[in-house]
Amino acid sequence: MKLKRLEAQTRVICTFNRIVFGVLALVLSLAVVASALPQRRRHAELEDKLQRVLQDEKKVIAEHEYRETEYRALKDDPAFLELKAMDRLNLRRDGEKIFRFQREED
C-alpha cells in the first residue's frame, strides 16, 4: 500500500515537474523573441538608412564624374572652352541664333 502511494506521488511530482519545465521553456522562448523584436526593428531602420546613403553616394559620384569630365574638356578642348565662355558671358557671333532651354531641377 505504501509503495502504491509513493508511486502515485512520484507520478504527480514528475507530471508537475514536466508542466513547470514546459511553462519555464515557454516563458524563456517568449523572452528571447521579445528581446529580438526591437533589434529587428532597429536593423530594418539601419537598412533603410543604408539604402538612402547609398543612393546619395551614387548621386555624388555621378556629379563628381560629370565635373571631372567637364574639367578635362575645359582643360583640353579649346572649342568646348570657347562655347562655355560664350554661354557664361551671354555672347554670340554675328548671325548666330541662341536657343535656351531650362531644365527642371530634380
PDB file of N, CA and C in Angstrom:
ATOM      1  N   MET A   1       0.818  -1.178   0.000  1.00  0.00           N
ATOM      2  CA  MET A   1       0.000   0.000   0.000  1.00  0.00           C
ATOM      3  C   MET A   1       0.873   1.257   0.000  1.00  0.00           C
ATOM      4  N   LYS A   2       1.883   1.239   0.829  1.00  0.00           N
ATOM      5  CA  LYS A   2       2.775   2.381   0.900  1.00  0.00           C
ATOM      6  C   LYS A   2       3.524   2.572  -0.412  1.00  0.00           C
ATOM      7  N   LEU A   3       3.863   1.484  -1.058  1.00  0.00           N
ATOM      8  CA  LEU A   3       4.579   1.532  -2.324  1.00  0.00           C
ATOM      9  C   LEU A   3       3.710   2.167  -3.410  1.00  0.00           C
ATOM     10  N   LYS A   4       2.408   1.833  -3.425  1.00  0.00           N
ATOM     11  CA  LYS A   4       1.499   2.414  -4.408  1.00  0.00           C
ATOM     12  C   LYS A   4       1.341   3.909  -4.180  1.00  0.00           C
ATOM     13  N   ARG A   5       1.290   4.298  -2.939  1.00  0.00           N
ATOM     14  CA  ARG A   5       1.161   5.707  -2.604  1.00  0.00           C
ATOM     15  C   ARG A   5       2.415   6.465  -3.056  1.00  0.00           C
ATOM     16  N   LEU A   6       3.589   5.888  -2.813  1.00  0.00           N
ATOM     17  CA  LEU A   6       4.851   6.516  -3.236  1.00  0.00           C
ATOM     18  C   LEU A   6       4.922   6.614  -4.770  1.00  0.00           C
ATOM     19  N   GLU A   7       4.467   5.570  -5.459  1.00  0.00           N
ATOM     20  CA  GLU A   7       4.462   5.600  -6.921  1.00  0.00           C
ATOM     21  C   GLU A   7       3.511   6.680  -7.421  1.00  0.00           C
ATOM     22  N   ALA A   8       2.356   6.834  -6.795  1.00  0.00           N
ATOM     23  CA  ALA A   8       1.388   7.851  -7.183  1.00  0.00           C
ATOM     24  C   ALA A   8       1.963   9.239  -6.949  1.00  0.00           C
ATOM     25  N   GLN A   9       2.611   9.433  -5.817  1.00  0.00           N
ATOM     26  CA  GLN A   9       3.231  10.727  -5.523  1.00  0.00           C
ATOM     27  C   GLN A   9       4.355  11.033  -6.517  1.00  0.00           C
ATOM     28  N   THR A  10       5.115  10.011  -6.846  1.00  0.00           N
ATOM     29  CA  THR A  10       6.212  10.184  -7.797  1.00  0.00           C
ATOM     30  C   THR A  10       5.665  10.599  -9.171  1.00  0.00           C
ATOM     31  N   ARG A  11       4.580   9.965  -9.594  1.00  0.00           N
ATOM     32  CA  ARG A  11       3.969  10.341 -10.874  1.00  0.00           C
ATOM     33  C   ARG A  11       3.444  11.771 -10.838  1.00  0.00           C
ATOM     34  N   VAL A  12       2.829  12.156  -9.744  1.00  0.00           N
ATOM     35  CA  VAL A  12       2.312  13.526  -9.610  1.00  0.00           C
ATOM     36  C   VAL A  12       3.469  14.518  -9.650  1.00  0.00           C
ATOM     37  N   ILE A  13       4.530  14.209  -8.941  1.00  0.00           N
ATOM     38  CA  ILE A  13       5.696  15.101  -8.918  1.00  0.00           C
ATOM     39  C   ILE A  13       6.327  15.185 -10.312  1.00  0.00           C
ATOM     40  N   CYS A  14       6.449  14.062 -11.003  1.00  0.00           N
ATOM     41  CA  CYS A  14       7.013  14.057 -12.367  1.00  0.00           C
ATOM     42  C   CYS A  14       6.130  14.875 -13.310  1.00  0.00           C
ATOM     43  N   THR A  15       4.823  14.695 -13.209  1.00  0.00           N
ATOM     44  CA  THR A  15       3.901  15.456 -14.057  1.00  0.00           C
ATOM     45  C   THR A  15       4.016  16.952 -13.752  1.00  0.00           C
ATOM     46  N   PHE A  16       4.055  17.279 -12.457  1.00  0.00           N
ATOM     47  CA  PHE A  16       4.213  18.676 -12.050  1.00  0.00           C
ATOM     48  C   PHE A  16       5.529  19.240 -12.584  1.00  0.00           C
ATOM     49  N   ASN A  17       6.612  18.486 -12.490  1.00  0.00           N
ATOM     50  CA  ASN A  17       7.919  18.938 -12.990  1.00  0.00           C
ATOM     51  C   ASN A  17       7.879  19.181 -14.502  1.00  0.00           C
ATOM     52  N   ARG A  18       7.197  18.302 -15.233  1.00  0.00           N
ATOM     53  CA  ARG A  18       7.086  18.477 -16.683  1.00  0.00           C
ATOM     54  C   ARG A  18       6.305  19.747 -17.029  1.00  0.00           C
ATOM     55  N   ILE A  19       5.226  19.971 -16.286  1.00  0.00           N
ATOM     56  CA  ILE A  19       4.421  21.171 -16.528  1.00  0.00           C
ATOM     57  C   ILE A  19       5.238  22.426 -16.229  1.00  0.00           C
ATOM     58  N   VAL A  20       5.928  22.429 -15.090  1.00  0.00           N
ATOM     59  CA  VAL A  20       6.756  23.583 -14.713  1.00  0.00           C
ATOM     60  C   VAL A  20       7.871  23.795 -15.744  1.00  0.00           C
ATOM     61  N   PHE A  21       8.507  22.713 -16.185  1.00  0.00           N
ATOM     62  CA  PHE A  21       9.557  22.820 -17.188  1.00  0.00           C
ATOM     63  C   PHE A  21       9.004  23.381 -18.500  1.00  0.00           C
ATOM     64  N   GLY A  22       7.827  22.915 -18.896  1.00  0.00           N
ATOM     65  CA  GLY A  22       7.187  23.421 -20.121  1.00  0.00           C
ATOM     66  C   GLY A  22       6.871  24.903 -20.024  1.00  0.00           C
ATOM     67  N   VAL A  23       6.325  25.310 -18.876  1.00  0.00           N
ATOM     68  CA  VAL A  23       5.996  26.726 -18.673  1.00  0.00           C
ATOM     69  C   VAL A  23       7.274  27.567 -18.686  1.00  0.00           C
ATOM     70  N   LEU A  24       8.316  27.099 -18.001  1.00  0.00           N
ATOM     71  CA  LEU A  24       9.588  27.841 -17.999  1.00  0.00           C
ATOM     72  C   LEU A  24      10.189  27.933 -19.402  1.00  0.00           C
ATOM     73  N   ALA A  25      10.112  26.855 -20.153  1.00  0.00           N
ATOM     74  CA  ALA A  25      10.625  26.875 -21.524  1.00  0.00           C
ATOM     75  C   ALA A  25       9.831  27.859 -22.382  1.00  0.00           C
ATOM     76  N   LEU A  26       8.512  27.882 -22.212  1.00  0.00           N
ATOM     77  CA  LEU A  26       7.669  28.810 -22.943  1.00  0.00           C
ATOM     78  C   LEU A  26       7.993  30.256 -22.580  1.00  0.00           C
ATOM     79  N   VAL A  27       8.116  30.540 -21.298  1.00  0.00           N
ATOM     80  CA  VAL A  27       8.448  31.896 -20.840  1.00  0.00           C
ATOM     81  C   VAL A  27       9.815  32.319 -21.367  1.00  0.00           C
ATOM     82  N   LEU A  28      10.768  31.419 -21.315  1.00  0.00           N
ATOM     83  CA  LEU A  28      12.111  31.731 -21.809  1.00  0.00           C
ATOM     84  C   LEU A  28      12.093  31.998 -23.309  1.00  0.00           C
ATOM     85  N   SER A  29      11.367  31.199 -24.071  1.00  0.00           N
ATOM     86  CA  SER A  29      11.305  31.416 -25.519  1.00  0.00           C
ATOM     87  C   SER A  29      10.600  32.729 -25.846  1.00  0.00           C
ATOM     88  N   LEU A  30       9.548  33.063 -25.097  1.00  0.00           N
ATOM     89  CA  LEU A  30       8.878  34.345 -25.303  1.00  0.00           C
ATOM     90  C   LEU A  30       9.799  35.511 -24.964  1.00  0.00           C
ATOM     91  N   ALA A  31      10.599  35.352 -23.919  1.00  0.00           N
ATOM     92  CA  ALA A  31      11.551  36.409 -23.555  1.00  0.00           C
ATOM     93  C   ALA A  31      12.589  36.605 -24.658  1.00  0.00           C
ATOM     94  N   VAL A  32      13.055  35.523 -25.237  1.00  0.00           N
ATOM     95  CA  VAL A  32      14.034  35.624 -26.333  1.00  0.00           C
ATOM     96  C   VAL A  32      13.417  36.323 -27.537  1.00  0.00           C
ATOM     97  N   VAL A  33      12.194  35.933 -27.891  1.00  0.00           N
ATOM     98  CA  VAL A  33      11.519  36.554 -29.035  1.00  0.00           C
ATOM     99  C   VAL A  33      11.248  38.032 -28.750  1.00  0.00           C
ATOM    100  N   ALA A  34      10.801  38.346 -27.551  1.00  0.00           N
ATOM    101  CA  ALA A  34      10.508  39.737 -27.194  1.00  0.00           C
ATOM    102  C   ALA A  34      11.761  40.594 -27.215  1.00  0.00           C
ATOM    103  N   SER A  35      12.879  40.039 -26.819  1.00  0.00           N
ATOM    104  CA  SER A  35      14.111  40.826 -26.833  1.00  0.00           C
ATOM    105  C   SER A  35      14.653  40.984 -28.252  1.00  0.00           C
ATOM    106  N   ALA A  36      14.279  40.115 -29.169  1.00  0.00           N
ATOM    107  CA  ALA A  36      14.764  40.199 -30.545  1.00  0.00           C
ATOM    108  C   ALA A  36      13.961  41.194 -31.380  1.00  0.00           C
ATOM    109  N   LEU A  37      12.728  41.480 -31.013  1.00  0.00           N
ATOM    110  CA  LEU A  37      11.889  42.374 -31.812  1.00  0.00           C
ATOM    111  C   LEU A  37      12.454  43.788 -31.927  1.00  0.00           C
ATOM    112  N   PRO A  38      12.870  44.434 -30.837  1.00  0.00           N
ATOM    113  CA  PRO A  38      13.443  45.776 -31.001  1.00  0.00           C
ATOM    114  C   PRO A  38      14.706  45.770 -31.857  1.00  0.00           C
ATOM    115  N   GLN A  39      15.505  44.735 -31.747  1.00  0.00           N
ATOM    116  CA  GLN A  39      16.721  44.650 -32.556  1.00  0.00           C
ATOM    117  C   GLN A  39      16.368  44.487 -34.027  1.00  0.00           C
ATOM    118  N   ARG A  40      15.340  43.739 -34.304  1.00  0.00           N
ATOM    119  CA  ARG A  40      14.920  43.555 -35.696  1.00  0.00           C
ATOM    120  C   ARG A  40      14.409  44.870 -36.270  1.00  0.00           C
ATOM    121  N   ARG A  41      13.653  45.604 -35.473  1.00  0.00           N
ATOM    122  CA  ARG A  41      13.145  46.909 -35.898  1.00  0.00           C
ATOM    123  C   ARG A  41      14.310  47.861 -36.156  1.00  0.00           C
ATOM    124  N   ARG A  42      15.281  47.860 -35.265  1.00  0.00           N
ATOM    125  CA  ARG A  42      16.471  48.704 -35.424  1.00  0.00           C
ATOM    126  C   ARG A  42      17.252  48.300 -36.676  1.00  0.00           C
ATOM    127  N   HIS A  43      17.337  47.001 -36.917  1.00  0.00           N
ATOM    128  CA  HIS A  43      18.024  46.507 -38.114  1.00  0.00           C
ATOM    129  C   HIS A  43      17.330  47.017 -39.378  1.00  0.00           C
ATOM    130  N   ALA A  44      16.005  46.989 -39.396  1.00  0.00           N
ATOM    131  CA  ALA A  44      15.256  47.475 -40.558  1.00  0.00           C
ATOM    132  C   ALA A  44      15.489  48.972 -40.761  1.00  0.00           C
ATOM    133  N   GLU A  45      15.507  49.739 -39.659  1.00  0.00           N
ATOM    134  CA  GLU A  45      15.771  51.173 -39.756  1.00  0.00           C
ATOM    135  C   GLU A  45      17.165  51.435 -40.316  1.00  0.00           C
ATOM    136  N   LEU A  46      18.134  50.675 -39.845  1.00  0.00           N
ATOM    137  CA  LEU A  46      19.504  50.851 -40.335  1.00  0.00           C
ATOM    138  C   LEU A  46      19.633  50.453 -41.801  1.00  0.00           C
ATOM    139  N   GLU A  47      18.908  49.426 -42.216  1.00  0.00           N
ATOM    140  CA  GLU A  47      18.917  49.029 -43.623  1.00  0.00           C
ATOM    141  C   GLU A  47      18.344  50.143 -44.498  1.00  0.00           C
ATOM    142  N   ASP A  48      17.243  50.762 -44.046  1.00  0.00           N
ATOM    143  CA  ASP A  48      16.661  51.873 -44.798  1.00  0.00           C
ATOM    144  C   ASP A  48      17.641  53.038 -44.888  1.00  0.00           C
ATOM    145  N   LYS A  49      18.276  53.344 -43.775  1.00  0.00           N
ATOM    146  CA  LYS A  49      19.253  54.439 -43.757  1.00  0.00           C
ATOM    147  C   LYS A  49      20.421  54.128 -44.696  1.00  0.00           C
ATOM    148  N   LEU A  50      20.874  52.886 -44.699  1.00  0.00           N
ATOM    149  CA  LEU A  50      21.962  52.482 -45.593  1.00  0.00           C
ATOM    150  C   LEU A  50      21.558  52.667 -47.050  1.00  0.00           C
ATOM    151  N   GLN A  51      20.328  52.291 -47.408  1.00  0.00           N
ATOM    152  CA  GLN A  51      19.873  52.455 -48.783  1.00  0.00           C
ATOM    153  C   GLN A  51      19.840  53.928 -49.189  1.00  0.00           C
ATOM    154  N   ARG A  52      19.375  54.794 -48.275  1.00  0.00           N
ATOM    155  CA  ARG A  52      19.356  56.232 -48.573  1.00  0.00           C
ATOM    156  C   ARG A  52      20.769  56.767 -48.761  1.00  0.00           C
ATOM    157  N   VAL A  53      21.684  56.342 -47.906  1.00  0.00           N
ATOM    158  CA  VAL A  53      23.072  56.798 -48.013  1.00  0.00           C
ATOM    159  C   VAL A  53      23.698  56.299 -49.314  1.00  0.00           C
ATOM    160  N   LEU A  54      23.425  55.071 -49.700  1.00  0.00           N
ATOM    161  CA  LEU A  54      23.967  54.541 -50.953  1.00  0.00           C
ATOM    162  C   LEU A  54      23.418  55.304 -52.161  1.00  0.00           C
ATOM    163  N   GLN A  55      22.143  55.676 -52.111  1.00  0.00           N
ATOM    164  CA  GLN A  55      21.571  56.473 -53.200  1.00  0.00           C
ATOM    165  C   GLN A  55      22.227  57.845 -53.262  1.00  0.00           C
ATOM    166  N   ASP A  56      22.417  58.468 -52.103  1.00  0.00           N
ATOM    167  CA  ASP A  56      23.099  59.760 -52.064  1.00  0.00           C
ATOM    168  C   ASP A  56      24.522  59.638 -52.586  1.00  0.00           C
ATOM    169  N   GLU A  57      25.187  58.550 -52.232  1.00  0.00           N
ATOM    170  CA  GLU A  57      26.557  58.328 -52.703  1.00  0.00           C
ATOM    171  C   GLU A  57      26.591  58.209 -54.226  1.00  0.00           C
ATOM    172  N   LYS A  58      25.627  57.506 -54.804  1.00  0.00           N
ATOM    173  CA  LYS A  58      25.573  57.381 -56.261  1.00  0.00           C
ATOM    174  C   LYS A  58      25.405  58.746 -56.914  1.00  0.00           C
ATOM    175  N   LYS A  59      24.556  59.596 -56.324  1.00  0.00           N
ATOM    176  CA  LYS A  59      24.358  60.935 -56.870  1.00  0.00           C
ATOM    177  C   LYS A  59      25.649  61.744 -56.802  1.00  0.00           C
ATOM    178  N   VAL A  60      26.330  61.647 -55.681  1.00  0.00           N
ATOM    179  CA  VAL A  60      27.584  62.391 -55.516  1.00  0.00           C
ATOM    180  C   VAL A  60      28.639  61.896 -56.495  1.00  0.00           C
ATOM    181  N   ILE A  61      28.726  60.593 -56.680  1.00  0.00           N
ATOM    182  CA  ILE A  61      29.698  60.029 -57.619  1.00  0.00           C
ATOM    183  C   ILE A  61      29.377  60.472 -59.050  1.00  0.00           C
ATOM    184  N   ALA A  62      28.091  60.468 -59.411  1.00  0.00           N
ATOM    185  CA  ALA A  62      27.703  60.905 -60.751  1.00  0.00           C
ATOM    186  C   ALA A  62      28.047  62.382 -60.948  1.00  0.00           C
ATOM    187  N   GLU A  63      27.784  63.199 -59.940  1.00  0.00           N
ATOM    188  CA  GLU A  63      28.115  64.627 -60.016  1.00  0.00           C
ATOM    189  C   GLU A  63      29.625  64.815 -60.145  1.00  0.00           C
ATOM    190  N   HIS A  64      30.383  64.044 -59.388  1.00  0.00           N
ATOM    191  CA  HIS A  64      31.853  64.132 -59.453  1.00  0.00           C
ATOM    192  C   HIS A  64      32.356  63.761 -60.845  1.00  0.00           C
ATOM    193  N   GLU A  65      31.811  62.684 -61.406  1.00  0.00           N
ATOM    194  CA  GLU A  65      32.227  62.262 -62.749  1.00  0.00           C
ATOM    195  C   GLU A  65      31.886  63.323 -63.785  1.00  0.00           C
ATOM    196  N   TYR A  66      30.703  63.938 -63.647  1.00  0.00           N
ATOM    197  CA  TYR A  66      30.315  64.994 -64.571  1.00  0.00           C
ATOM    198  C   TYR A  66      31.285  66.167 -64.465  1.00  0.00           C
ATOM    199  N   ARG A  67      31.578  66.574 -63.244  1.00  0.00           N
ATOM    200  CA  ARG A  67      32.501  67.706 -63.035  1.00  0.00           C
ATOM    201  C   ARG A  67      33.905  67.376 -63.541  1.00  0.00           C
ATOM    202  N   GLU A  68      34.330  66.151 -63.332  1.00  0.00           N
ATOM    203  CA  GLU A  68      35.655  65.735 -63.798  1.00  0.00           C
ATOM    204  C   GLU A  68      35.718  65.764 -65.330  1.00  0.00           C
ATOM    205  N   THR A  69      34.669  65.289 -65.977  1.00  0.00           N
ATOM    206  CA  THR A  69      34.612  65.313 -67.444  1.00  0.00           C
ATOM    207  C   THR A  69      34.607  66.745 -67.955  1.00  0.00           C
ATOM    208  N   GLU A  70      33.821  67.589 -67.307  1.00  0.00           N
ATOM    209  CA  GLU A  70      33.765  68.996 -67.705  1.00  0.00           C
ATOM    210  C   GLU A  70      35.114  69.671 -67.500  1.00  0.00           C
ATOM    211  N   TYR A  71      35.781  69.361 -66.417  1.00  0.00           N
ATOM    212  CA  TYR A  71      37.102  69.936 -66.149  1.00  0.00           C
ATOM    213  C   TYR A  71      38.100  69.529 -67.233  1.00  0.00           C
ATOM    214  N   ARG A  72      38.098  68.245 -67.583  1.00  0.00           N
ATOM    215  CA  ARG A  72      39.023  67.777 -68.629  1.00  0.00           C
ATOM    216  C   ARG A  72      38.717  68.443 -69.969  1.00  0.00           C
ATOM    217  N   ALA A  73      37.423  68.592 -70.260  1.00  0.00           N
ATOM    218  CA  ALA A  73      37.052  69.237 -71.514  1.00  0.00           C
ATOM    219  C   ALA A  73      37.481  70.702 -71.521  1.00  0.00           C
ATOM    220  N   LEU A  74      37.312  71.387 -70.417  1.00  0.00           N
ATOM    221  CA  LEU A  74      37.754  72.782 -70.333  1.00  0.00           C
ATOM    222  C   LEU A  74      39.268  72.889 -70.470  1.00  0.00           C
ATOM    223  N   LYS A  75      39.960  71.926 -69.920  1.00  0.00           N
ATOM    224  CA  LYS A  75      41.425  71.944 -69.930  1.00  0.00           C
ATOM    225  C   LYS A  75      41.989  71.583 -71.302  1.00  0.00           C
ATOM    226  N   ASP A  76      41.372  70.605 -71.972  1.00  0.00           N
ATOM    227  CA  ASP A  76      41.974  70.045 -73.181  1.00  0.00           C
ATOM    228  C   ASP A  76      41.286  70.453 -74.483  1.00  0.00           C
ATOM    229  N   ASP A  77      40.054  70.895 -74.438  1.00  0.00           N
ATOM    230  CA  ASP A  77      39.303  71.156 -75.667  1.00  0.00           C
ATOM    231  C   ASP A  77      39.013  72.651 -75.805  1.00  0.00           C
ATOM    232  N   PRO A  78      39.732  73.348 -76.681  1.00  0.00           N
ATOM    233  CA  PRO A  78      39.524  74.796 -76.832  1.00  0.00           C
ATOM    234  C   PRO A  78      38.123  75.132 -77.337  1.00  0.00           C
ATOM    235  N   ALA A  79      37.537  74.291 -78.162  1.00  0.00           N
ATOM    236  CA  ALA A  79      36.193  74.568 -78.672  1.00  0.00           C
ATOM    237  C   ALA A  79      35.173  74.527 -77.530  1.00  0.00           C
ATOM    238  N   PHE A  80      35.304  73.557 -76.647  1.00  0.00           N
ATOM    239  CA  PHE A  80      34.395  73.473 -75.501  1.00  0.00           C
ATOM    240  C   PHE A  80      34.594  74.674 -74.583  1.00  0.00           C
ATOM    241  N   LEU A  81      35.836  75.071 -74.375  1.00  0.00           N
ATOM    242  CA  LEU A  81      36.145  76.226 -73.531  1.00  0.00           C
ATOM    243  C   LEU A  81      35.515  77.483 -74.113  1.00  0.00           C
ATOM    244  N   GLU A  82      35.636  77.650 -75.406  1.00  0.00           N
ATOM    245  CA  GLU A  82      35.045  78.821 -76.062  1.00  0.00           C
ATOM    246  C   GLU A  82      33.528  78.798 -75.920  1.00  0.00           C
ATOM    247  N   LEU A  83      32.932  77.651 -76.163  1.00  0.00           N
ATOM    248  CA  LEU A  83      31.478  77.510 -76.054  1.00  0.00           C
ATOM    249  C   LEU A  83      31.000  77.818 -74.634  1.00  0.00           C
ATOM    250  N   LYS A  84      31.703  77.289 -73.650  1.00  0.00           N
ATOM    251  CA  LYS A  84      31.332  77.514 -72.253  1.00  0.00           C
ATOM    252  C   LYS A  84      31.465  78.989 -71.879  1.00  0.00           C
ATOM    253  N   ALA A  85      32.559  79.624 -72.336  1.00  0.00           N
ATOM    254  CA  ALA A  85      32.779  81.039 -72.025  1.00  0.00           C
ATOM    255  C   ALA A  85      31.713  81.912 -72.686  1.00  0.00           C
ATOM    256  N   MET A  86      31.394  81.623 -73.926  1.00  0.00           N
ATOM    257  CA  MET A  86      30.361  82.411 -74.612  1.00  0.00           C
ATOM    258  C   MET A  86      29.005  82.230 -73.932  1.00  0.00           C
ATOM    259  N   ASP A  87      28.738  81.028 -73.482  1.00  0.00           N
ATOM    260  CA  ASP A  87      27.476  80.773 -72.797  1.00  0.00           C
ATOM    261  C   ASP A  87      27.407  81.527 -71.469  1.00  0.00           C
ATOM    262  N   ARG A  88      28.481  81.482 -70.737  1.00  0.00           N
ATOM    263  CA  ARG A  88      28.503  82.129 -69.419  1.00  0.00           C
ATOM    264  C   ARG A  88      28.434  83.656 -69.534  1.00  0.00           C
ATOM    265  N   LEU A  89      29.071  84.197 -70.575  1.00  0.00           N
ATOM    266  CA  LEU A  89      29.098  85.655 -70.746  1.00  0.00           C
ATOM    267  C   LEU A  89      27.956  86.169 -71.617  1.00  0.00           C
ATOM    268  N   ASN A  90      27.075  85.274 -72.048  1.00  0.00           N
ATOM    269  CA  ASN A  90      25.939  85.632 -72.904  1.00  0.00           C
ATOM    270  C   ASN A  90      26.388  86.336 -74.185  1.00  0.00           C
ATOM    271  N   LEU A  91      27.404  85.798 -74.821  1.00  0.00           N
ATOM    272  CA  LEU A  91      27.909  86.335 -76.085  1.00  0.00           C
ATOM    273  C   LEU A  91      27.459  85.444 -77.226  1.00  0.00           C
ATOM    274  N   ARG A  92      27.445  86.026 -78.439  1.00  0.00           N
ATOM    275  CA  ARG A  92      27.148  85.238 -79.628  1.00  0.00           C
ATOM    276  C   ARG A  92      27.869  85.859 -80.812  1.00  0.00           C
ATOM    277  N   ARG A  93      28.075  85.039 -81.808  1.00  0.00           N
ATOM    278  CA  ARG A  93      28.695  85.538 -83.037  1.00  0.00           C
ATOM    279  C   ARG A  93      27.619  86.189 -83.895  1.00  0.00           C
ATOM    280  N   ASP A  94      28.054  87.004 -84.835  1.00  0.00           N
ATOM    281  CA  ASP A  94      27.105  87.655 -85.747  1.00  0.00           C
ATOM    282  C   ASP A  94      26.379  86.596 -86.565  1.00  0.00           C
ATOM    283  N   GLY A  95      25.065  86.721 -86.644  1.00  0.00           N
ATOM    284  CA  GLY A  95      24.257  85.802 -87.433  1.00  0.00           C
ATOM    285  C   GLY A  95      23.889  84.523 -86.695  1.00  0.00           C
ATOM    286  N   GLU A  96      24.334  84.383 -85.481  1.00  0.00           N
ATOM    287  CA  GLU A  96      24.055  83.180 -84.708  1.00  0.00           C
ATOM    288  C   GLU A  96      22.758  83.365 -83.922  1.00  0.00           C
ATOM    289  N   LYS A  97      21.959  82.299 -83.866  1.00  0.00           N
ATOM    290  CA  LYS A  97      20.746  82.334 -83.054  1.00  0.00           C
ATOM    291  C   LYS A  97      20.965  81.424 -81.858  1.00  0.00           C
ATOM    292  N   ILE A  98      20.569  81.896 -80.708  1.00  0.00           N
ATOM    293  CA  ILE A  98      20.741  81.142 -79.473  1.00  0.00           C
ATOM    294  C   ILE A  98      19.369  80.679 -78.981  1.00  0.00           C
ATOM    295  N   PHE A  99      19.276  79.403 -78.706  1.00  0.00           N
ATOM    296  CA  PHE A  99      18.068  78.831 -78.111  1.00  0.00           C
ATOM    297  C   PHE A  99      18.423  78.339 -76.720  1.00  0.00           C
ATOM    298  N   ARG A 100      17.672  78.764 -75.737  1.00  0.00           N
ATOM    299  CA  ARG A 100      17.940  78.348 -74.361  1.00  0.00           C
ATOM    300  C   ARG A 100      16.762  77.532 -73.849  1.00  0.00           C
ATOM    301  N   PHE A 101      17.104  76.420 -73.237  1.00  0.00           N
ATOM    302  CA  PHE A 101      16.100  75.541 -72.625  1.00  0.00           C
ATOM    303  C   PHE A 101      16.431  75.417 -71.157  1.00  0.00           C
ATOM    304  N   GLN A 102      15.428  75.539 -70.337  1.00  0.00           N
ATOM    305  CA  GLN A 102      15.648  75.373 -68.903  1.00  0.00           C
ATOM    306  C   GLN A 102      15.231  73.970 -68.500  1.00  0.00           C
ATOM    307  N   ARG A 103      16.089  73.339 -67.708  1.00  0.00           N
ATOM    308  CA  ARG A 103      15.785  72.005 -67.216  1.00  0.00           C
ATOM    309  C   ARG A 103      15.007  72.099 -65.915  1.00  0.00           C
ATOM    310  N   GLU A 104      14.195  71.100 -65.682  1.00  0.00           N
ATOM    311  CA  GLU A 104      13.522  71.004 -64.386  1.00  0.00           C
ATOM    312  C   GLU A 104      14.510  70.450 -63.388  1.00  0.00           C
ATOM    313  N   GLU A 105      14.595  71.053 -62.227  1.00  0.00           N
ATOM    314  CA  GLU A 105      15.507  70.579 -61.194  1.00  0.00           C
ATOM    315  C   GLU A 105      14.921  69.361 -60.522  1.00  0.00           C
ATOM    316  N   ASP A 106      15.788  68.393 -60.185  1.00  0.00           N
ATOM    317  CA  ASP A 106      15.341  67.159 -59.509  1.00  0.00           C
ATOM    318  C   ASP A 106      15.025  67.429 -58.072  1.00  0.00           C
TER     319      ASP A 106
END
